[in-house]
Structure formats: C-alpha cells, structure tokens
Amino acid sequence: MGEKVYFAGELFDHKHLIGNRLLADGIRMAAGDRYEPVLPQETEPPEIRALAIRNHDFRLLFECRAAVFNFDGTDLDSGTVVEFVTAKMLDLPAVILRSDFRHSGDQEEGGDPWNLMCSGYPRTASLSINAMTLYQRHGAKTTASSNLIAGIYGELGTAVVRELDRVMALPPLHTPEERERIYRWVAASLGGNLLPLREITGRRRP
C-alpha cells in the first residue's frame, strides 16, 4: 500500500460522493502503488453529524502524508477550507484541484480562482482544469458513459498525481523534532479531545 493521501471535499450529495470516489480511483490507478487516497466518506457514520465527525476526519488527516483538496463552487466549502488550513499547519504537501470553470474570489487576473487567503502556502500546488472542456473532449470520443468516465477521471488522476509527486519532493519546513511538537500543538489547538498525545508519538512524518 502506498503513502496515504487525505481526500478533502464536499460529501453532501450523490455527485460529490460518486465524484470523490471516481477521482480517488483515478489517482490510485495513475499512481500505481505509490499513493492510497483516504476518503472520509468511506468511514463516516451517516446518522451522526456532531463533533465526533469532525474529530474522525481530523484523525484521518493526521494519519496521512499528503492531501488533495477539491476547491469547486462559487464559494469554497467551509469544512474543506478548515481541513486545508489544518494541513498547512502540519506542513502536509497539498494539491488543490478546481474543476469548476467559474472564476470566483478576489485575486488579480492570472491568480487562483478562489479567495486569496487560500493561496500562497508552501509545499502546495494549484491545479485548475475546466470540467466542461474536459467533458466535451472525452465525450467526443465515445458514446459510452463508462468510457467517458474512464477518460475524464484518468486524465484528472494523472494530473493530480503529477502535482503530488512534485510537492512530495519538496523539503519539509521543519525538523523531525519540530514536527513532533507541531503535531501535538495542532491537536491541542483543535480541542475536542481530538487526539491523545500517545497517538501522535512516533507518527510517520511527511
């Protein structure tokens, strides 16, 4: 099994859930055995919407060595943004993916199409791919939905893996000893009895 990669995005309807799964499959296929996407939706209990869900997702994030963030929508999903900021406090390598072709945010022309407060972080790659262009290009090659899906998510997966390889190769900002203290500090700052300190001790460090 490859390095665990946290997969952050909306989980609220069939398009989110199926799209997340298909993209994770595309990443897994493009990466071979190098990356293993971790989807919170696979283990979240659907009947509970409370602090336990938040803690569950943070625990998964803490266990991963990198993360992919879906930044679609005219307004970014607030939960995804919180997970992104947490990942940056942990200095996790990150890939931001936006397939929404609408430009949203307050950045100058040529900047990222989202709020500028979510840009400029180290060991982070921004990947913007026009979903409509992608759909029409692959749709022109086939009338079979299965082939269309394979083409779209194969291309997306390959692009994400390329960026993951790049950010994973960048040197970490902190020494192993500093990282241990940072993981403990972030866990304490998030509160909610998130992680007993013993769970962080000896953790593999990105």
N, C-alpha and C. Protein backbone atom coordinates (compact mmCIF):
# COMPACT_ATOMS: atom_id res chain seq x y z
N MET A 1 0.85 -1.20 0.00
CA MET A 1 0.00 0.00 0.00
C MET A 1 0.88 1.24 0.00
N GLY A 2 0.47 2.26 -0.76
CA GLY A 2 1.28 3.46 -0.90
C GLY A 2 1.08 4.45 0.24
N GLU A 3 1.65 5.63 0.06
CA GLU A 3 1.52 6.69 1.04
C GLU A 3 0.06 7.16 1.11
N LYS A 4 -0.44 7.33 2.33
CA LYS A 4 -1.82 7.76 2.48
C LYS A 4 -1.98 9.24 2.12
N VAL A 5 -3.00 9.53 1.29
CA VAL A 5 -3.29 10.88 0.85
C VAL A 5 -4.73 11.22 1.23
N TYR A 6 -4.89 12.19 2.10
CA TYR A 6 -6.23 12.60 2.53
C TYR A 6 -6.96 13.28 1.38
N PHE A 7 -8.25 13.00 1.26
CA PHE A 7 -9.05 13.49 0.15
C PHE A 7 -10.16 14.37 0.72
N ALA A 8 -10.05 15.70 0.56
CA ALA A 8 -10.98 16.65 1.17
C ALA A 8 -11.91 17.24 0.12
N GLY A 9 -13.19 17.27 0.43
CA GLY A 9 -14.17 17.86 -0.46
C GLY A 9 -15.56 17.69 0.10
N GLU A 10 -16.54 18.24 -0.58
CA GLU A 10 -17.92 18.14 -0.13
C GLU A 10 -18.40 16.69 -0.17
N LEU A 11 -19.30 16.35 0.77
CA LEU A 11 -19.80 14.98 0.90
C LEU A 11 -21.33 14.96 1.00
N PHE A 12 -22.00 15.91 0.36
CA PHE A 12 -23.40 16.14 0.69
C PHE A 12 -24.42 15.64 -0.33
N ASP A 13 -24.00 15.18 -1.51
CA ASP A 13 -24.97 14.65 -2.45
C ASP A 13 -24.30 13.59 -3.32
N HIS A 14 -25.09 12.96 -4.18
CA HIS A 14 -24.56 11.84 -4.97
C HIS A 14 -23.44 12.28 -5.90
N LYS A 15 -23.49 13.51 -6.39
CA LYS A 15 -22.43 13.99 -7.28
C LYS A 15 -21.11 14.12 -6.53
N HIS A 16 -21.17 14.66 -5.33
CA HIS A 16 -19.96 14.76 -4.51
C HIS A 16 -19.40 13.38 -4.19
N LEU A 17 -20.27 12.52 -3.69
CA LEU A 17 -19.81 11.22 -3.20
C LEU A 17 -19.25 10.35 -4.33
N ILE A 18 -19.97 10.27 -5.43
CA ILE A 18 -19.50 9.45 -6.55
C ILE A 18 -18.29 10.10 -7.21
N GLY A 19 -18.31 11.43 -7.37
CA GLY A 19 -17.18 12.11 -7.98
C GLY A 19 -15.91 11.94 -7.16
N ASN A 20 -16.03 12.03 -5.83
CA ASN A 20 -14.87 11.81 -4.97
C ASN A 20 -14.29 10.41 -5.18
N ARG A 21 -15.19 9.42 -5.22
CA ARG A 21 -14.75 8.04 -5.36
C ARG A 21 -14.08 7.80 -6.72
N LEU A 22 -14.65 8.36 -7.77
CA LEU A 22 -14.09 8.17 -9.11
C LEU A 22 -12.72 8.85 -9.23
N LEU A 23 -12.59 10.04 -8.65
CA LEU A 23 -11.30 10.71 -8.70
C LEU A 23 -10.26 9.96 -7.88
N ALA A 24 -10.66 9.46 -6.72
CA ALA A 24 -9.74 8.66 -5.91
C ALA A 24 -9.26 7.44 -6.69
N ASP A 25 -10.19 6.79 -7.41
CA ASP A 25 -9.81 5.64 -8.24
C ASP A 25 -8.85 6.06 -9.35
N GLY A 26 -9.08 7.24 -9.93
CA GLY A 26 -8.19 7.73 -10.98
C GLY A 26 -6.80 8.01 -10.45
N ILE A 27 -6.71 8.56 -9.24
CA ILE A 27 -5.42 8.82 -8.62
C ILE A 27 -4.71 7.51 -8.32
N ARG A 28 -5.45 6.57 -7.76
CA ARG A 28 -4.86 5.28 -7.41
C ARG A 28 -4.32 4.57 -8.66
N MET A 29 -5.08 4.63 -9.74
CA MET A 29 -4.65 3.96 -10.97
C MET A 29 -3.43 4.65 -11.58
N ALA A 30 -3.44 5.99 -11.57
CA ALA A 30 -2.32 6.73 -12.16
C ALA A 30 -1.04 6.58 -11.33
N ALA A 31 -1.21 6.41 -10.02
CA ALA A 31 -0.04 6.35 -9.14
C ALA A 31 0.50 4.94 -8.96
N GLY A 32 -0.23 3.94 -9.41
CA GLY A 32 0.19 2.58 -9.13
C GLY A 32 0.06 2.30 -7.64
N ASP A 33 1.13 1.85 -7.01
CA ASP A 33 1.06 1.56 -5.59
C ASP A 33 1.72 2.66 -4.75
N ARG A 34 1.93 3.85 -5.33
CA ARG A 34 2.64 4.91 -4.60
C ARG A 34 1.74 5.70 -3.67
N TYR A 35 0.47 5.92 -4.05
CA TYR A 35 -0.45 6.71 -3.23
C TYR A 35 -1.74 5.93 -2.97
N GLU A 36 -2.25 6.08 -1.76
CA GLU A 36 -3.52 5.46 -1.39
C GLU A 36 -4.47 6.54 -0.89
N PRO A 37 -5.43 6.99 -1.72
CA PRO A 37 -6.37 8.02 -1.29
C PRO A 37 -7.20 7.56 -0.09
N VAL A 38 -7.37 8.46 0.86
CA VAL A 38 -8.17 8.20 2.06
C VAL A 38 -9.40 9.09 1.99
N LEU A 39 -10.58 8.49 1.82
CA LEU A 39 -11.83 9.23 1.68
C LEU A 39 -12.62 9.18 2.99
N PRO A 40 -12.84 10.31 3.65
CA PRO A 40 -13.64 10.30 4.88
C PRO A 40 -15.02 9.68 4.70
N GLN A 41 -15.60 9.83 3.51
CA GLN A 41 -16.95 9.31 3.29
C GLN A 41 -17.03 7.80 3.42
N GLU A 42 -15.90 7.11 3.31
CA GLU A 42 -15.92 5.65 3.40
C GLU A 42 -16.15 5.16 4.83
N THR A 43 -15.84 6.01 5.82
CA THR A 43 -15.93 5.56 7.21
C THR A 43 -16.77 6.46 8.11
N GLU A 44 -17.26 7.59 7.59
CA GLU A 44 -18.12 8.46 8.41
C GLU A 44 -19.47 7.79 8.63
N PRO A 45 -19.95 7.72 9.89
CA PRO A 45 -21.30 7.20 10.13
C PRO A 45 -22.35 8.20 9.64
N PRO A 46 -23.24 7.83 8.74
CA PRO A 46 -24.16 8.80 8.14
C PRO A 46 -25.20 9.34 9.10
N GLU A 47 -25.47 8.63 10.19
CA GLU A 47 -26.53 9.05 11.10
C GLU A 47 -26.06 10.05 12.15
N ILE A 48 -24.75 10.35 12.19
CA ILE A 48 -24.20 11.24 13.20
C ILE A 48 -23.63 12.48 12.52
N ARG A 49 -24.09 13.67 12.94
CA ARG A 49 -23.50 14.92 12.47
C ARG A 49 -23.16 15.75 13.71
N ALA A 50 -22.03 15.47 14.30
CA ALA A 50 -21.64 16.13 15.53
C ALA A 50 -20.13 16.23 15.58
N LEU A 51 -19.61 16.65 16.74
CA LEU A 51 -18.18 16.83 16.90
C LEU A 51 -17.41 15.55 16.59
N ALA A 52 -18.04 14.40 16.81
CA ALA A 52 -17.36 13.13 16.54
C ALA A 52 -16.98 13.01 15.07
N ILE A 53 -17.79 13.55 14.16
CA ILE A 53 -17.46 13.51 12.73
C ILE A 53 -16.26 14.38 12.45
N ARG A 54 -16.26 15.58 13.01
CA ARG A 54 -15.11 16.47 12.84
C ARG A 54 -13.83 15.79 13.31
N ASN A 55 -13.87 15.20 14.50
CA ASN A 55 -12.69 14.55 15.05
C ASN A 55 -12.26 13.35 14.21
N HIS A 56 -13.24 12.61 13.71
CA HIS A 56 -12.94 11.46 12.84
C HIS A 56 -12.15 11.91 11.61
N ASP A 57 -12.60 12.99 10.97
CA ASP A 57 -11.93 13.47 9.77
C ASP A 57 -10.55 14.04 10.08
N PHE A 58 -10.42 14.75 11.20
CA PHE A 58 -9.11 15.26 11.58
C PHE A 58 -8.13 14.12 11.87
N ARG A 59 -8.61 13.06 12.50
CA ARG A 59 -7.73 11.92 12.77
C ARG A 59 -7.21 11.33 11.47
N LEU A 60 -8.09 11.20 10.48
CA LEU A 60 -7.64 10.68 9.18
C LEU A 60 -6.59 11.60 8.57
N LEU A 61 -6.81 12.91 8.67
CA LEU A 61 -5.85 13.86 8.12
C LEU A 61 -4.50 13.72 8.81
N PHE A 62 -4.50 13.57 10.13
CA PHE A 62 -3.26 13.44 10.89
C PHE A 62 -2.48 12.19 10.48
N GLU A 63 -3.18 11.17 10.00
CA GLU A 63 -2.54 9.90 9.66
C GLU A 63 -1.94 9.89 8.25
N CYS A 64 -2.23 10.94 7.47
CA CYS A 64 -1.81 10.95 6.07
C CYS A 64 -0.52 11.73 5.87
N ARG A 65 0.12 11.46 4.74
CA ARG A 65 1.38 12.12 4.42
C ARG A 65 1.23 13.24 3.40
N ALA A 66 0.04 13.38 2.83
CA ALA A 66 -0.25 14.45 1.88
C ALA A 66 -1.77 14.58 1.80
N ALA A 67 -2.25 15.57 1.03
CA ALA A 67 -3.70 15.77 0.93
C ALA A 67 -4.05 16.40 -0.41
N VAL A 68 -5.25 16.07 -0.88
CA VAL A 68 -5.83 16.67 -2.08
C VAL A 68 -7.10 17.38 -1.66
N PHE A 69 -7.27 18.63 -2.11
CA PHE A 69 -8.42 19.44 -1.72
C PHE A 69 -9.22 19.86 -2.93
N ASN A 70 -10.51 19.53 -2.94
CA ASN A 70 -11.41 19.96 -4.01
C ASN A 70 -11.90 21.37 -3.70
N PHE A 71 -11.51 22.32 -4.53
CA PHE A 71 -11.90 23.72 -4.34
C PHE A 71 -12.90 24.14 -5.41
N ASP A 72 -13.99 23.40 -5.56
CA ASP A 72 -15.03 23.75 -6.53
C ASP A 72 -16.10 24.62 -5.86
N GLY A 73 -16.91 25.26 -6.71
CA GLY A 73 -18.01 26.08 -6.21
C GLY A 73 -17.68 27.56 -6.25
N THR A 74 -18.74 28.39 -6.31
CA THR A 74 -18.53 29.84 -6.29
C THR A 74 -18.05 30.30 -4.92
N ASP A 75 -18.40 29.55 -3.88
CA ASP A 75 -17.90 29.80 -2.54
C ASP A 75 -17.34 28.48 -2.03
N LEU A 76 -16.09 28.46 -1.63
CA LEU A 76 -15.46 27.20 -1.22
C LEU A 76 -16.17 26.59 -0.02
N ASP A 77 -16.25 25.27 -0.02
CA ASP A 77 -16.84 24.55 1.11
C ASP A 77 -16.05 24.87 2.38
N SER A 78 -16.74 25.33 3.42
CA SER A 78 -16.05 25.81 4.62
C SER A 78 -15.29 24.69 5.32
N GLY A 79 -15.86 23.47 5.36
CA GLY A 79 -15.17 22.36 6.00
C GLY A 79 -13.88 22.01 5.29
N THR A 80 -13.90 22.06 3.96
CA THR A 80 -12.69 21.78 3.19
C THR A 80 -11.62 22.82 3.46
N VAL A 81 -12.02 24.08 3.59
CA VAL A 81 -11.06 25.14 3.88
C VAL A 81 -10.42 24.94 5.26
N VAL A 82 -11.23 24.55 6.25
CA VAL A 82 -10.67 24.29 7.58
C VAL A 82 -9.66 23.14 7.53
N GLU A 83 -9.99 22.09 6.78
CA GLU A 83 -9.06 20.97 6.65
C GLU A 83 -7.78 21.41 5.93
N PHE A 84 -7.92 22.27 4.94
CA PHE A 84 -6.76 22.77 4.21
C PHE A 84 -5.83 23.55 5.14
N VAL A 85 -6.40 24.47 5.93
CA VAL A 85 -5.58 25.26 6.85
C VAL A 85 -4.91 24.36 7.88
N THR A 86 -5.63 23.36 8.36
CA THR A 86 -5.04 22.42 9.32
C THR A 86 -3.88 21.67 8.69
N ALA A 87 -4.05 21.22 7.45
CA ALA A 87 -2.97 20.52 6.75
C ALA A 87 -1.75 21.41 6.59
N LYS A 88 -1.98 22.69 6.34
CA LYS A 88 -0.85 23.61 6.20
C LYS A 88 -0.16 23.86 7.54
N MET A 89 -0.90 23.88 8.64
CA MET A 89 -0.27 24.00 9.95
C MET A 89 0.62 22.79 10.23
N LEU A 90 0.23 21.63 9.67
CA LEU A 90 1.01 20.41 9.83
C LEU A 90 2.11 20.30 8.78
N ASP A 91 2.19 21.25 7.86
CA ASP A 91 3.15 21.22 6.75
C ASP A 91 2.98 19.99 5.86
N LEU A 92 1.73 19.55 5.66
CA LEU A 92 1.48 18.44 4.75
C LEU A 92 1.57 18.93 3.30
N PRO A 93 2.26 18.21 2.43
CA PRO A 93 2.19 18.55 1.00
C PRO A 93 0.74 18.47 0.53
N ALA A 94 0.35 19.44 -0.30
CA ALA A 94 -1.06 19.53 -0.68
C ALA A 94 -1.21 19.87 -2.16
N VAL A 95 -2.26 19.30 -2.76
CA VAL A 95 -2.67 19.66 -4.12
C VAL A 95 -4.09 20.19 -4.05
N ILE A 96 -4.29 21.40 -4.53
CA ILE A 96 -5.63 21.99 -4.64
C ILE A 96 -6.11 21.77 -6.07
N LEU A 97 -7.27 21.13 -6.19
CA LEU A 97 -7.85 20.86 -7.51
C LEU A 97 -9.16 21.64 -7.67
N ARG A 98 -9.26 22.38 -8.75
CA ARG A 98 -10.52 23.05 -9.08
C ARG A 98 -10.90 22.68 -10.50
N SER A 99 -12.07 22.05 -10.66
CA SER A 99 -12.57 21.72 -11.99
C SER A 99 -13.72 22.64 -12.39
N ASP A 100 -14.19 23.45 -11.48
CA ASP A 100 -15.24 24.44 -11.73
C ASP A 100 -14.67 25.54 -12.61
N PHE A 101 -15.27 25.77 -13.79
CA PHE A 101 -14.71 26.73 -14.73
C PHE A 101 -15.08 28.17 -14.40
N ARG A 102 -15.92 28.39 -13.37
CA ARG A 102 -16.26 29.75 -12.97
C ARG A 102 -15.12 30.36 -12.17
N HIS A 103 -14.84 31.62 -12.42
CA HIS A 103 -13.81 32.32 -11.64
C HIS A 103 -14.48 32.93 -10.41
N SER A 104 -13.95 32.61 -9.25
CA SER A 104 -14.52 33.10 -8.02
C SER A 104 -13.40 33.58 -7.11
N GLY A 105 -13.67 34.62 -6.35
CA GLY A 105 -12.66 35.12 -5.43
C GLY A 105 -12.27 36.55 -5.72
N ASP A 106 -11.17 36.98 -5.13
CA ASP A 106 -10.78 38.39 -5.19
C ASP A 106 -9.35 38.58 -5.67
N GLN A 107 -8.84 37.61 -6.43
CA GLN A 107 -7.46 37.71 -6.88
C GLN A 107 -7.38 38.42 -8.23
N GLU A 108 -6.19 38.96 -8.50
CA GLU A 108 -5.96 39.64 -9.76
C GLU A 108 -6.01 38.64 -10.91
N GLU A 109 -6.14 39.15 -12.12
CA GLU A 109 -6.16 38.29 -13.30
C GLU A 109 -4.87 37.47 -13.36
N GLY A 110 -5.02 36.18 -13.58
CA GLY A 110 -3.88 35.28 -13.58
C GLY A 110 -3.67 34.60 -12.24
N GLY A 111 -4.37 35.05 -11.20
CA GLY A 111 -4.26 34.42 -9.89
C GLY A 111 -5.20 33.24 -9.78
N ASP A 112 -5.15 32.56 -8.64
CA ASP A 112 -6.04 31.42 -8.43
C ASP A 112 -7.50 31.88 -8.39
N PRO A 113 -8.42 31.06 -8.90
CA PRO A 113 -9.83 31.45 -8.96
C PRO A 113 -10.58 31.19 -7.66
N TRP A 114 -10.00 31.59 -6.54
CA TRP A 114 -10.67 31.49 -5.23
C TRP A 114 -10.12 32.58 -4.33
N ASN A 115 -10.65 32.68 -3.14
CA ASN A 115 -10.24 33.73 -2.20
C ASN A 115 -8.73 33.70 -1.97
N LEU A 116 -8.11 34.87 -2.01
CA LEU A 116 -6.65 34.94 -1.93
C LEU A 116 -6.09 34.42 -0.61
N MET A 117 -6.92 34.34 0.44
CA MET A 117 -6.45 33.83 1.72
C MET A 117 -6.13 32.34 1.65
N CYS A 118 -6.56 31.67 0.59
CA CYS A 118 -6.29 30.24 0.43
C CYS A 118 -5.15 29.98 -0.55
N SER A 119 -4.39 31.00 -0.87
CA SER A 119 -3.26 30.87 -1.80
C SER A 119 -1.96 31.27 -1.12
N GLY A 120 -0.85 30.84 -1.73
CA GLY A 120 0.46 31.29 -1.28
C GLY A 120 1.14 30.42 -0.25
N TYR A 121 0.64 29.21 -0.02
CA TYR A 121 1.20 28.36 1.02
C TYR A 121 2.33 27.47 0.48
N PRO A 122 3.33 27.19 1.31
CA PRO A 122 4.44 26.34 0.85
C PRO A 122 4.01 24.90 0.66
N ARG A 123 4.76 24.20 -0.17
CA ARG A 123 4.52 22.78 -0.47
C ARG A 123 3.07 22.55 -0.89
N THR A 124 2.57 23.46 -1.74
CA THR A 124 1.17 23.40 -2.20
C THR A 124 1.12 23.69 -3.69
N ALA A 125 0.41 22.85 -4.43
CA ALA A 125 0.24 23.04 -5.87
C ALA A 125 -1.23 23.35 -6.17
N SER A 126 -1.45 24.30 -7.08
CA SER A 126 -2.80 24.65 -7.52
C SER A 126 -3.01 24.11 -8.93
N LEU A 127 -4.10 23.37 -9.11
CA LEU A 127 -4.39 22.71 -10.38
C LEU A 127 -5.81 23.06 -10.79
N SER A 128 -5.96 23.87 -11.84
CA SER A 128 -7.28 24.27 -12.34
C SER A 128 -7.51 23.62 -13.70
N ILE A 129 -8.58 22.84 -13.79
CA ILE A 129 -8.93 22.14 -15.03
C ILE A 129 -10.40 22.41 -15.32
N ASN A 130 -10.69 22.89 -16.53
CA ASN A 130 -12.05 23.23 -16.92
C ASN A 130 -12.85 21.95 -17.15
N ALA A 131 -13.82 21.69 -16.27
CA ALA A 131 -14.57 20.44 -16.33
C ALA A 131 -15.39 20.33 -17.62
N MET A 132 -15.93 21.44 -18.11
CA MET A 132 -16.74 21.38 -19.32
C MET A 132 -15.87 21.03 -20.53
N THR A 133 -14.70 21.64 -20.62
CA THR A 133 -13.78 21.31 -21.71
C THR A 133 -13.37 19.85 -21.64
N LEU A 134 -13.08 19.39 -20.43
CA LEU A 134 -12.69 18.00 -20.23
C LEU A 134 -13.81 17.05 -20.66
N TYR A 135 -15.02 17.38 -20.24
CA TYR A 135 -16.18 16.55 -20.57
C TYR A 135 -16.41 16.47 -22.08
N GLN A 136 -16.38 17.61 -22.74
CA GLN A 136 -16.66 17.63 -24.17
C GLN A 136 -15.56 16.96 -24.98
N ARG A 137 -14.31 17.12 -24.54
CA ARG A 137 -13.21 16.49 -25.28
C ARG A 137 -13.30 14.97 -25.22
N HIS A 138 -13.56 14.44 -24.03
CA HIS A 138 -13.66 12.99 -23.91
C HIS A 138 -15.01 12.48 -24.44
N GLY A 139 -16.06 13.30 -24.33
CA GLY A 139 -17.36 12.90 -24.84
C GLY A 139 -17.38 12.79 -26.35
N ALA A 140 -16.52 13.55 -27.03
CA ALA A 140 -16.46 13.48 -28.49
C ALA A 140 -15.84 12.17 -28.98
N LYS A 141 -15.20 11.43 -28.07
CA LYS A 141 -14.52 10.19 -28.46
C LYS A 141 -15.38 8.95 -28.27
N THR A 142 -16.50 9.09 -27.53
CA THR A 142 -17.27 7.89 -27.19
C THR A 142 -18.71 8.24 -26.86
N THR A 143 -19.60 7.29 -27.04
CA THR A 143 -20.98 7.45 -26.60
C THR A 143 -21.27 6.63 -25.35
N ALA A 144 -20.29 5.86 -24.91
CA ALA A 144 -20.46 5.01 -23.73
C ALA A 144 -20.07 5.77 -22.47
N SER A 145 -20.98 5.82 -21.50
CA SER A 145 -20.71 6.55 -20.26
C SER A 145 -19.49 6.00 -19.54
N SER A 146 -19.32 4.68 -19.57
CA SER A 146 -18.18 4.08 -18.87
C SER A 146 -16.85 4.56 -19.45
N ASN A 147 -16.80 4.66 -20.78
CA ASN A 147 -15.58 5.15 -21.43
C ASN A 147 -15.35 6.63 -21.14
N LEU A 148 -16.44 7.39 -21.11
CA LEU A 148 -16.34 8.82 -20.81
C LEU A 148 -15.79 9.03 -19.40
N ILE A 149 -16.35 8.30 -18.45
CA ILE A 149 -15.89 8.41 -17.06
C ILE A 149 -14.43 8.00 -16.93
N ALA A 150 -14.06 6.90 -17.58
CA ALA A 150 -12.67 6.44 -17.51
C ALA A 150 -11.72 7.48 -18.09
N GLY A 151 -12.12 8.12 -19.19
CA GLY A 151 -11.27 9.13 -19.81
C GLY A 151 -11.10 10.36 -18.94
N ILE A 152 -12.22 10.87 -18.41
CA ILE A 152 -12.18 12.08 -17.59
C ILE A 152 -11.36 11.85 -16.32
N TYR A 153 -11.68 10.79 -15.59
CA TYR A 153 -11.01 10.59 -14.30
C TYR A 153 -9.60 10.03 -14.46
N GLY A 154 -9.34 9.41 -15.61
CA GLY A 154 -7.96 9.03 -15.89
C GLY A 154 -7.09 10.26 -16.08
N GLU A 155 -7.60 11.25 -16.82
CA GLU A 155 -6.83 12.47 -17.04
C GLU A 155 -6.68 13.27 -15.75
N LEU A 156 -7.78 13.40 -14.99
CA LEU A 156 -7.71 14.12 -13.72
C LEU A 156 -6.74 13.43 -12.75
N GLY A 157 -6.84 12.12 -12.66
CA GLY A 157 -5.97 11.38 -11.76
C GLY A 157 -4.51 11.55 -12.11
N THR A 158 -4.20 11.49 -13.40
CA THR A 158 -2.82 11.66 -13.85
C THR A 158 -2.30 13.05 -13.50
N ALA A 159 -3.13 14.07 -13.69
CA ALA A 159 -2.71 15.44 -13.38
C ALA A 159 -2.47 15.63 -11.88
N VAL A 160 -3.35 15.07 -11.06
CA VAL A 160 -3.19 15.20 -9.61
C VAL A 160 -1.94 14.47 -9.15
N VAL A 161 -1.70 13.28 -9.66
CA VAL A 161 -0.51 12.51 -9.26
C VAL A 161 0.76 13.26 -9.65
N ARG A 162 0.76 13.87 -10.82
CA ARG A 162 1.94 14.65 -11.23
C ARG A 162 2.24 15.76 -10.21
N GLU A 163 1.20 16.45 -9.75
CA GLU A 163 1.40 17.52 -8.78
C GLU A 163 1.74 16.97 -7.40
N LEU A 164 1.15 15.84 -7.04
CA LEU A 164 1.51 15.21 -5.78
C LEU A 164 3.00 14.85 -5.75
N ASP A 165 3.48 14.27 -6.84
CA ASP A 165 4.89 13.93 -6.92
C ASP A 165 5.76 15.17 -6.71
N ARG A 166 5.33 16.27 -7.28
CA ARG A 166 6.13 17.49 -7.18
C ARG A 166 6.17 18.03 -5.76
N VAL A 167 5.01 18.13 -5.10
CA VAL A 167 5.01 18.71 -3.75
C VAL A 167 5.59 17.74 -2.72
N MET A 168 5.45 16.44 -2.96
CA MET A 168 6.04 15.47 -2.04
C MET A 168 7.56 15.51 -2.08
N ALA A 169 8.12 15.95 -3.20
CA ALA A 169 9.57 16.01 -3.35
C ALA A 169 10.18 17.25 -2.71
N LEU A 170 9.35 18.22 -2.34
CA LEU A 170 9.86 19.44 -1.72
C LEU A 170 10.27 19.17 -0.28
N PRO A 171 11.34 19.80 0.20
CA PRO A 171 11.80 19.53 1.57
C PRO A 171 10.82 20.08 2.60
N PRO A 172 10.65 19.37 3.72
CA PRO A 172 9.77 19.86 4.78
C PRO A 172 10.30 21.14 5.40
N LEU A 173 9.42 21.89 6.02
CA LEU A 173 9.81 23.16 6.62
C LEU A 173 10.46 22.98 7.98
N HIS A 174 10.25 21.82 8.61
CA HIS A 174 10.68 21.64 9.99
C HIS A 174 11.48 20.35 10.16
N THR A 175 12.25 20.30 11.21
CA THR A 175 12.98 19.09 11.56
C THR A 175 12.01 18.07 12.15
N PRO A 176 12.40 16.79 12.21
CA PRO A 176 11.52 15.79 12.84
C PRO A 176 11.13 16.17 14.27
N GLU A 177 12.04 16.71 15.04
CA GLU A 177 11.73 17.08 16.42
C GLU A 177 10.71 18.23 16.45
N GLU A 178 10.88 19.20 15.56
CA GLU A 178 9.93 20.30 15.49
C GLU A 178 8.56 19.81 15.06
N ARG A 179 8.54 18.87 14.11
CA ARG A 179 7.27 18.35 13.62
C ARG A 179 6.51 17.65 14.73
N GLU A 180 7.20 16.93 15.58
CA GLU A 180 6.54 16.24 16.69
C GLU A 180 5.83 17.25 17.58
N ARG A 181 6.50 18.34 17.89
CA ARG A 181 5.90 19.38 18.73
C ARG A 181 4.73 20.03 18.00
N ILE A 182 4.87 20.26 16.68
CA ILE A 182 3.81 20.91 15.92
C ILE A 182 2.55 20.04 15.89
N TYR A 183 2.71 18.73 15.66
CA TYR A 183 1.55 17.85 15.65
C TYR A 183 0.83 17.90 16.99
N ARG A 184 1.58 17.90 18.07
CA ARG A 184 0.97 17.97 19.40
C ARG A 184 0.25 19.30 19.60
N TRP A 185 0.90 20.39 19.16
CA TRP A 185 0.30 21.71 19.34
C TRP A 185 -0.98 21.84 18.52
N VAL A 186 -0.97 21.37 17.26
CA VAL A 186 -2.17 21.47 16.43
C VAL A 186 -3.30 20.64 17.03
N ALA A 187 -2.99 19.43 17.49
CA ALA A 187 -4.02 18.58 18.10
C ALA A 187 -4.63 19.28 19.31
N ALA A 188 -3.79 19.89 20.14
CA ALA A 188 -4.30 20.60 21.32
C ALA A 188 -5.11 21.82 20.91
N SER A 189 -4.68 22.54 19.87
CA SER A 189 -5.37 23.74 19.44
C SER A 189 -6.75 23.44 18.86
N LEU A 190 -6.90 22.28 18.22
CA LEU A 190 -8.19 21.90 17.64
C LEU A 190 -9.20 21.52 18.71
N GLY A 191 -8.71 21.11 19.89
CA GLY A 191 -9.59 20.82 21.01
C GLY A 191 -10.47 19.61 20.79
N GLY A 192 -11.54 19.53 21.56
CA GLY A 192 -12.50 18.44 21.43
C GLY A 192 -11.93 17.08 21.77
N ASN A 193 -10.89 17.04 22.62
CA ASN A 193 -10.24 15.76 22.94
C ASN A 193 -9.90 15.00 21.67
N LEU A 194 -9.36 15.73 20.71
CA LEU A 194 -9.15 15.16 19.38
C LEU A 194 -8.24 13.95 19.38
N LEU A 195 -7.03 14.12 19.88
CA LEU A 195 -6.06 13.03 19.82
C LEU A 195 -5.31 12.93 21.14
N PRO A 196 -5.35 11.81 21.80
CA PRO A 196 -4.43 11.63 22.93
C PRO A 196 -3.00 11.77 22.43
N LEU A 197 -2.14 12.36 23.22
CA LEU A 197 -0.77 12.61 22.78
C LEU A 197 -0.06 11.34 22.39
N ARG A 198 -0.40 10.21 23.02
CA ARG A 198 0.29 8.97 22.68
C ARG A 198 0.05 8.56 21.24
N GLU A 199 -1.05 9.01 20.63
CA GLU A 199 -1.35 8.65 19.24
C GLU A 199 -0.45 9.39 18.27
N ILE A 200 0.13 10.51 18.71
CA ILE A 200 0.98 11.30 17.83
C ILE A 200 2.42 10.86 17.96
N THR A 201 2.80 10.38 19.12
CA THR A 201 4.18 9.97 19.35
C THR A 201 4.57 8.87 18.37
N GLY A 202 5.68 9.06 17.70
CA GLY A 202 6.17 8.06 16.76
C GLY A 202 5.48 8.08 15.43
N ARG A 203 4.62 9.07 15.18
CA ARG A 203 3.91 9.13 13.90
C ARG A 203 4.88 9.35 12.75
N ARG A 204 4.60 8.72 11.64
CA ARG A 204 5.43 8.96 10.44
C ARG A 204 5.27 10.39 10.03
N ARG A 205 6.35 11.01 9.65
CA ARG A 205 6.33 12.43 9.35
C ARG A 205 6.51 12.66 7.86
N PRO A 206 5.64 13.49 7.24
CA PRO A 206 5.79 13.79 5.83
C PRO A 206 7.11 14.49 5.56
